[in-house]
């Protein structure tokens, strides 16, 4: 039922097995390099063959015209961004408080 015959492994056999696993690690690195090159080639080929089709697509504003709610969302977002920019510019123009004014002393140097 069970095989209880345990074989004692010699140190030389243990070293040989360790070297075998180290060599297999190099094969994994080479395998991943090959996979990356093949993936880059497939992506490049896909881009090269689909680029003419992408250049013939209609312009983005014409596509957005088909979605009026999306246009209003972008318009609201643009308004909010301009408000934030105006507030930030107002804060940048305001003179900075010095540490002496915050402490309440009126030392001038």
N, C-alpha and C. Protein backbone atom coordinates (compact mmCIF):
# COMPACT_ATOMS: atom_id res chain seq x y z
N UNK A 1 0.81 -1.17 0.00
CA UNK A 1 0.00 0.00 0.00
C UNK A 1 0.87 1.25 0.00
N UNK A 2 1.77 1.42 0.95
CA UNK A 2 2.67 2.56 0.99
C UNK A 2 4.09 2.08 0.78
N UNK A 3 4.88 2.91 0.11
CA UNK A 3 6.28 2.58 -0.10
C UNK A 3 7.09 3.34 0.95
N UNK A 4 7.56 2.63 1.94
CA UNK A 4 8.31 3.25 3.01
C UNK A 4 9.81 3.15 2.82
N UNK A 5 10.24 2.74 1.67
CA UNK A 5 11.68 2.62 1.40
C UNK A 5 12.21 4.00 1.03
N UNK A 6 12.82 4.66 1.98
CA UNK A 6 13.38 5.98 1.74
C UNK A 6 14.82 5.83 1.31
N UNK A 7 15.13 6.48 0.22
CA UNK A 7 16.51 6.44 -0.25
C UNK A 7 17.25 7.65 0.30
N UNK A 8 18.46 7.44 0.69
CA UNK A 8 19.29 8.51 1.22
C UNK A 8 19.97 9.18 0.03
N UNK A 9 19.84 10.50 -0.01
CA UNK A 9 20.40 11.25 -1.13
C UNK A 9 21.81 11.70 -0.78
N UNK A 10 22.72 11.47 -1.69
CA UNK A 10 24.10 11.90 -1.50
C UNK A 10 24.22 13.40 -1.75
N UNK A 11 25.18 14.07 -1.11
CA UNK A 11 25.36 15.51 -1.33
C UNK A 11 25.65 15.84 -2.79
N UNK A 12 26.37 14.99 -3.48
CA UNK A 12 26.67 15.26 -4.89
C UNK A 12 25.38 15.23 -5.73
N UNK A 13 24.48 14.32 -5.41
CA UNK A 13 23.20 14.26 -6.13
C UNK A 13 22.35 15.50 -5.82
N UNK A 14 22.42 15.94 -4.57
CA UNK A 14 21.68 17.14 -4.18
C UNK A 14 22.20 18.36 -4.94
N UNK A 15 23.54 18.47 -5.06
CA UNK A 15 24.13 19.58 -5.82
C UNK A 15 23.72 19.51 -7.28
N UNK A 16 23.74 18.31 -7.85
CA UNK A 16 23.38 18.14 -9.25
C UNK A 16 21.93 18.56 -9.49
N UNK A 17 21.04 18.21 -8.57
CA UNK A 17 19.65 18.59 -8.71
C UNK A 17 19.48 20.10 -8.57
N UNK A 18 20.23 20.72 -7.66
CA UNK A 18 20.17 22.17 -7.50
C UNK A 18 20.66 22.88 -8.75
N UNK A 19 21.71 22.36 -9.37
CA UNK A 19 22.22 22.94 -10.62
C UNK A 19 21.19 22.80 -11.73
N UNK A 20 20.48 21.68 -11.74
CA UNK A 20 19.46 21.46 -12.76
C UNK A 20 18.36 22.52 -12.65
N UNK A 21 17.95 22.83 -11.41
CA UNK A 21 16.91 23.84 -11.22
C UNK A 21 17.41 25.23 -11.56
N UNK A 22 18.68 25.51 -11.32
CA UNK A 22 19.24 26.81 -11.67
C UNK A 22 19.25 26.98 -13.17
N UNK A 23 19.58 25.94 -13.91
CA UNK A 23 19.57 26.02 -15.38
C UNK A 23 18.17 26.22 -15.90
N UNK A 24 17.17 25.61 -15.26
CA UNK A 24 15.80 25.78 -15.73
C UNK A 24 15.33 27.21 -15.53
N UNK A 25 15.88 27.92 -14.54
CA UNK A 25 15.53 29.33 -14.35
C UNK A 25 15.97 30.18 -15.52
N UNK A 26 17.12 29.85 -16.10
CA UNK A 26 17.58 30.58 -17.28
C UNK A 26 16.63 30.35 -18.44
N UNK A 27 16.11 29.15 -18.56
CA UNK A 27 15.17 28.85 -19.64
C UNK A 27 13.88 29.65 -19.48
N UNK A 28 13.46 29.88 -18.24
CA UNK A 28 12.26 30.67 -18.02
C UNK A 28 12.48 32.12 -18.45
N UNK A 29 13.65 32.66 -18.19
CA UNK A 29 13.95 34.03 -18.60
C UNK A 29 13.92 34.14 -20.11
N UNK A 30 14.52 33.20 -20.78
CA UNK A 30 14.53 33.21 -22.24
C UNK A 30 13.11 33.07 -22.77
N UNK A 31 12.32 32.22 -22.13
CA UNK A 31 10.94 32.03 -22.57
C UNK A 31 10.15 33.33 -22.45
N UNK A 32 10.32 34.08 -21.34
CA UNK A 32 9.58 35.34 -21.17
C UNK A 32 10.05 36.40 -22.16
N UNK A 33 11.33 36.39 -22.49
CA UNK A 33 11.83 37.33 -23.49
C UNK A 33 11.20 37.03 -24.84
N UNK A 34 11.12 35.76 -25.19
CA UNK A 34 10.50 35.37 -26.46
C UNK A 34 9.02 35.74 -26.47
N UNK A 35 8.33 35.52 -25.36
CA UNK A 35 6.91 35.88 -25.28
C UNK A 35 6.72 37.38 -25.45
N UNK A 36 7.60 38.18 -24.83
CA UNK A 36 7.50 39.64 -24.95
C UNK A 36 7.73 40.09 -26.39
N UNK A 37 8.71 39.48 -27.06
CA UNK A 37 8.99 39.84 -28.45
C UNK A 37 7.82 39.47 -29.35
N UNK A 38 7.24 38.31 -29.13
CA UNK A 38 6.09 37.89 -29.95
C UNK A 38 4.90 38.80 -29.69
N UNK A 39 4.67 39.16 -28.42
CA UNK A 39 3.57 40.06 -28.10
C UNK A 39 3.77 41.43 -28.74
N UNK A 40 4.99 41.94 -28.70
CA UNK A 40 5.27 43.24 -29.34
C UNK A 40 5.06 43.15 -30.85
N UNK A 41 5.45 42.02 -31.43
CA UNK A 41 5.26 41.85 -32.88
C UNK A 41 3.77 41.80 -33.23
N UNK A 42 2.98 41.11 -32.43
CA UNK A 42 1.54 41.02 -32.69
C UNK A 42 0.89 42.39 -32.54
N UNK A 43 1.27 43.13 -31.50
CA UNK A 43 0.71 44.48 -31.30
C UNK A 43 1.13 45.40 -32.44
N UNK A 44 2.39 45.34 -32.83
CA UNK A 44 2.86 46.16 -33.93
C UNK A 44 2.17 45.83 -35.24
N UNK A 45 1.96 44.56 -35.49
CA UNK A 45 1.27 44.15 -36.73
C UNK A 45 -0.18 44.61 -36.69
N UNK A 46 -0.81 44.51 -35.53
CA UNK A 46 -2.19 44.98 -35.41
C UNK A 46 -2.30 46.47 -35.64
N UNK A 47 -1.35 47.24 -35.07
CA UNK A 47 -1.36 48.69 -35.28
C UNK A 47 -1.11 49.03 -36.75
N UNK A 48 -0.17 48.32 -37.37
CA UNK A 48 0.18 48.62 -38.75
C UNK A 48 -0.99 48.33 -39.68
N UNK A 49 -1.73 47.25 -39.43
CA UNK A 49 -2.83 46.91 -40.32
C UNK A 49 -4.09 47.72 -40.03
N UNK A 50 -4.27 48.21 -38.79
CA UNK A 50 -5.49 48.95 -38.46
C UNK A 50 -5.32 50.46 -38.56
N UNK A 51 -4.11 50.96 -38.74
CA UNK A 51 -3.89 52.40 -38.78
C UNK A 51 -4.66 53.08 -39.91
N UNK A 52 -4.68 52.55 -41.13
CA UNK A 52 -5.48 53.21 -42.18
C UNK A 52 -6.96 53.28 -41.83
N UNK A 53 -7.48 52.27 -41.17
CA UNK A 53 -8.89 52.30 -40.78
C UNK A 53 -9.13 53.35 -39.70
N UNK A 54 -8.17 53.52 -38.80
CA UNK A 54 -8.33 54.52 -37.74
C UNK A 54 -8.28 55.94 -38.28
N UNK A 55 -7.49 56.18 -39.32
CA UNK A 55 -7.40 57.52 -39.87
C UNK A 55 -8.66 57.90 -40.65
N UNK A 56 -9.43 56.93 -41.06
CA UNK A 56 -10.65 57.22 -41.81
C UNK A 56 -11.87 57.37 -40.91
N UNK A 57 -11.72 57.25 -39.60
CA UNK A 57 -12.83 57.44 -38.68
C UNK A 57 -13.24 58.91 -38.66
N UNK A 58 -14.51 59.20 -38.38
CA UNK A 58 -14.92 60.61 -38.29
C UNK A 58 -14.27 61.29 -37.10
N UNK A 59 -14.24 62.60 -37.16
CA UNK A 59 -13.60 63.38 -36.09
C UNK A 59 -14.38 63.20 -34.79
N UNK A 60 -13.71 63.40 -33.67
CA UNK A 60 -14.32 63.19 -32.37
C UNK A 60 -15.49 64.14 -32.09
N UNK A 61 -15.42 65.45 -32.40
CA UNK A 61 -16.58 66.32 -32.13
C UNK A 61 -17.83 65.87 -32.87
N UNK A 62 -17.69 65.33 -34.07
CA UNK A 62 -18.86 64.85 -34.80
C UNK A 62 -19.46 63.64 -34.08
N UNK A 63 -18.63 62.84 -33.49
CA UNK A 63 -19.12 61.68 -32.75
C UNK A 63 -19.81 62.13 -31.47
N UNK A 64 -19.24 63.15 -30.79
CA UNK A 64 -19.84 63.64 -29.56
C UNK A 64 -21.18 64.33 -29.80
N UNK A 65 -21.40 64.83 -31.00
CA UNK A 65 -22.66 65.49 -31.31
C UNK A 65 -23.82 64.52 -31.23
N UNK A 66 -23.54 63.24 -31.33
CA UNK A 66 -24.59 62.23 -31.25
C UNK A 66 -25.03 62.00 -29.80
N UNK A 67 -24.29 62.51 -28.84
CA UNK A 67 -24.61 62.32 -27.44
C UNK A 67 -24.77 63.67 -26.76
N UNK A 68 -25.98 64.26 -26.78
CA UNK A 68 -26.16 65.60 -26.22
C UNK A 68 -25.92 65.66 -24.70
N UNK A 69 -26.27 64.62 -23.97
CA UNK A 69 -26.03 64.64 -22.53
C UNK A 69 -24.54 64.67 -22.22
N UNK A 70 -23.76 63.97 -23.04
CA UNK A 70 -22.33 63.98 -22.85
C UNK A 70 -21.77 65.38 -23.11
N UNK A 71 -22.31 66.06 -24.12
CA UNK A 71 -21.88 67.43 -24.41
C UNK A 71 -22.19 68.36 -23.25
N UNK A 72 -23.38 68.23 -22.65
CA UNK A 72 -23.72 69.10 -21.53
C UNK A 72 -22.85 68.79 -20.32
N UNK A 73 -22.51 67.53 -20.12
CA UNK A 73 -21.63 67.18 -19.01
C UNK A 73 -20.25 67.81 -19.19
N UNK A 74 -19.74 67.75 -20.42
CA UNK A 74 -18.45 68.37 -20.70
C UNK A 74 -18.51 69.88 -20.54
N UNK A 75 -19.63 70.49 -20.92
CA UNK A 75 -19.78 71.94 -20.77
C UNK A 75 -19.79 72.33 -19.29
N UNK A 76 -20.50 71.55 -18.47
CA UNK A 76 -20.53 71.81 -17.03
C UNK A 76 -19.14 71.62 -16.42
N UNK A 77 -18.46 70.60 -16.84
CA UNK A 77 -17.11 70.34 -16.34
C UNK A 77 -16.17 71.47 -16.72
N UNK A 78 -16.32 71.97 -17.93
CA UNK A 78 -15.47 73.09 -18.38
C UNK A 78 -15.75 74.33 -17.53
N UNK A 79 -17.03 74.59 -17.21
CA UNK A 79 -17.37 75.73 -16.37
C UNK A 79 -16.78 75.61 -14.98
N UNK A 80 -16.83 74.41 -14.42
CA UNK A 80 -16.26 74.20 -13.08
C UNK A 80 -14.75 74.40 -13.08
N UNK A 81 -14.10 73.91 -14.12
CA UNK A 81 -12.65 74.05 -14.20
C UNK A 81 -12.26 75.52 -14.34
N UNK A 82 -13.00 76.29 -15.13
CA UNK A 82 -12.68 77.72 -15.25
C UNK A 82 -12.91 78.44 -13.93
N UNK A 83 -13.96 78.07 -13.18
CA UNK A 83 -14.18 78.68 -11.86
C UNK A 83 -13.03 78.38 -10.91
N UNK A 84 -12.58 77.14 -10.90
CA UNK A 84 -11.46 76.76 -10.04
C UNK A 84 -10.20 77.50 -10.43
N UNK A 85 -9.96 77.63 -11.74
CA UNK A 85 -8.77 78.38 -12.20
C UNK A 85 -8.83 79.82 -11.75
N UNK A 86 -10.02 80.44 -11.84
CA UNK A 86 -10.17 81.83 -11.42
C UNK A 86 -9.90 81.97 -9.92
N UNK A 87 -10.41 81.04 -9.12
CA UNK A 87 -10.17 81.10 -7.68
C UNK A 87 -8.69 80.93 -7.36
N UNK A 88 -8.03 80.01 -8.05
CA UNK A 88 -6.61 79.80 -7.80
C UNK A 88 -5.78 81.02 -8.20
N UNK A 89 -6.15 81.67 -9.29
CA UNK A 89 -5.43 82.87 -9.70
C UNK A 89 -5.66 83.99 -8.69
N UNK A 90 -6.87 84.08 -8.14
CA UNK A 90 -7.15 85.08 -7.11
C UNK A 90 -6.33 84.83 -5.85
N UNK A 91 -6.18 83.56 -5.47
CA UNK A 91 -5.36 83.23 -4.31
C UNK A 91 -3.89 83.53 -4.57
N UNK A 92 -3.44 83.33 -5.79
CA UNK A 92 -2.04 83.58 -6.11
C UNK A 92 -1.74 85.08 -6.10
N UNK A 93 -2.71 85.92 -6.41
CA UNK A 93 -2.49 87.37 -6.44
C UNK A 93 -2.54 87.99 -5.05
N UNK A 94 -3.20 87.34 -4.10
CA UNK A 94 -3.33 87.87 -2.76
C UNK A 94 -1.97 87.85 -2.07
N UNK A 95 -1.61 88.93 -1.36
CA UNK A 95 -0.30 88.95 -0.69
C UNK A 95 -0.24 87.89 0.41
N UNK A 96 0.91 87.29 0.54
CA UNK A 96 1.09 86.25 1.56
C UNK A 96 1.26 86.89 2.92
N UNK A 97 0.73 86.26 3.94
CA UNK A 97 0.89 86.75 5.31
C UNK A 97 2.25 86.31 5.81
N UNK A 98 2.88 87.18 6.52
CA UNK A 98 4.18 86.81 7.09
C UNK A 98 3.97 86.19 8.45
N UNK A 99 4.97 85.54 8.96
CA UNK A 99 4.89 84.89 10.26
C UNK A 99 4.72 85.91 11.38
N UNK A 100 5.29 87.10 11.22
CA UNK A 100 5.19 88.10 12.29
C UNK A 100 3.78 88.64 12.38
N UNK A 101 3.09 88.79 11.28
CA UNK A 101 1.73 89.30 11.33
C UNK A 101 0.79 88.27 11.94
N UNK A 102 1.07 87.01 11.73
CA UNK A 102 0.21 85.97 12.31
C UNK A 102 0.38 85.90 13.83
N UNK A 103 1.57 86.19 14.31
CA UNK A 103 1.81 86.12 15.75
C UNK A 103 1.31 87.37 16.47
N UNK A 104 1.04 88.40 15.76
CA UNK A 104 0.51 89.60 16.39
C UNK A 104 1.57 90.65 16.68
N UNK A 105 2.82 90.37 16.48
CA UNK A 105 3.85 91.38 16.74
C UNK A 105 4.05 92.19 15.48
N UNK A 106 4.45 93.42 15.64
CA UNK A 106 4.61 94.31 14.49
C UNK A 106 6.06 94.67 14.28
N UNK A 107 6.90 93.68 14.25
CA UNK A 107 8.33 93.95 14.02
C UNK A 107 8.57 94.15 12.54
N UNK A 108 9.30 95.16 12.21
CA UNK A 108 9.69 95.39 10.82
C UNK A 108 11.19 95.38 10.76
N UNK A 109 11.70 94.80 9.72
CA UNK A 109 13.13 94.63 9.72
C UNK A 109 13.89 95.50 8.90
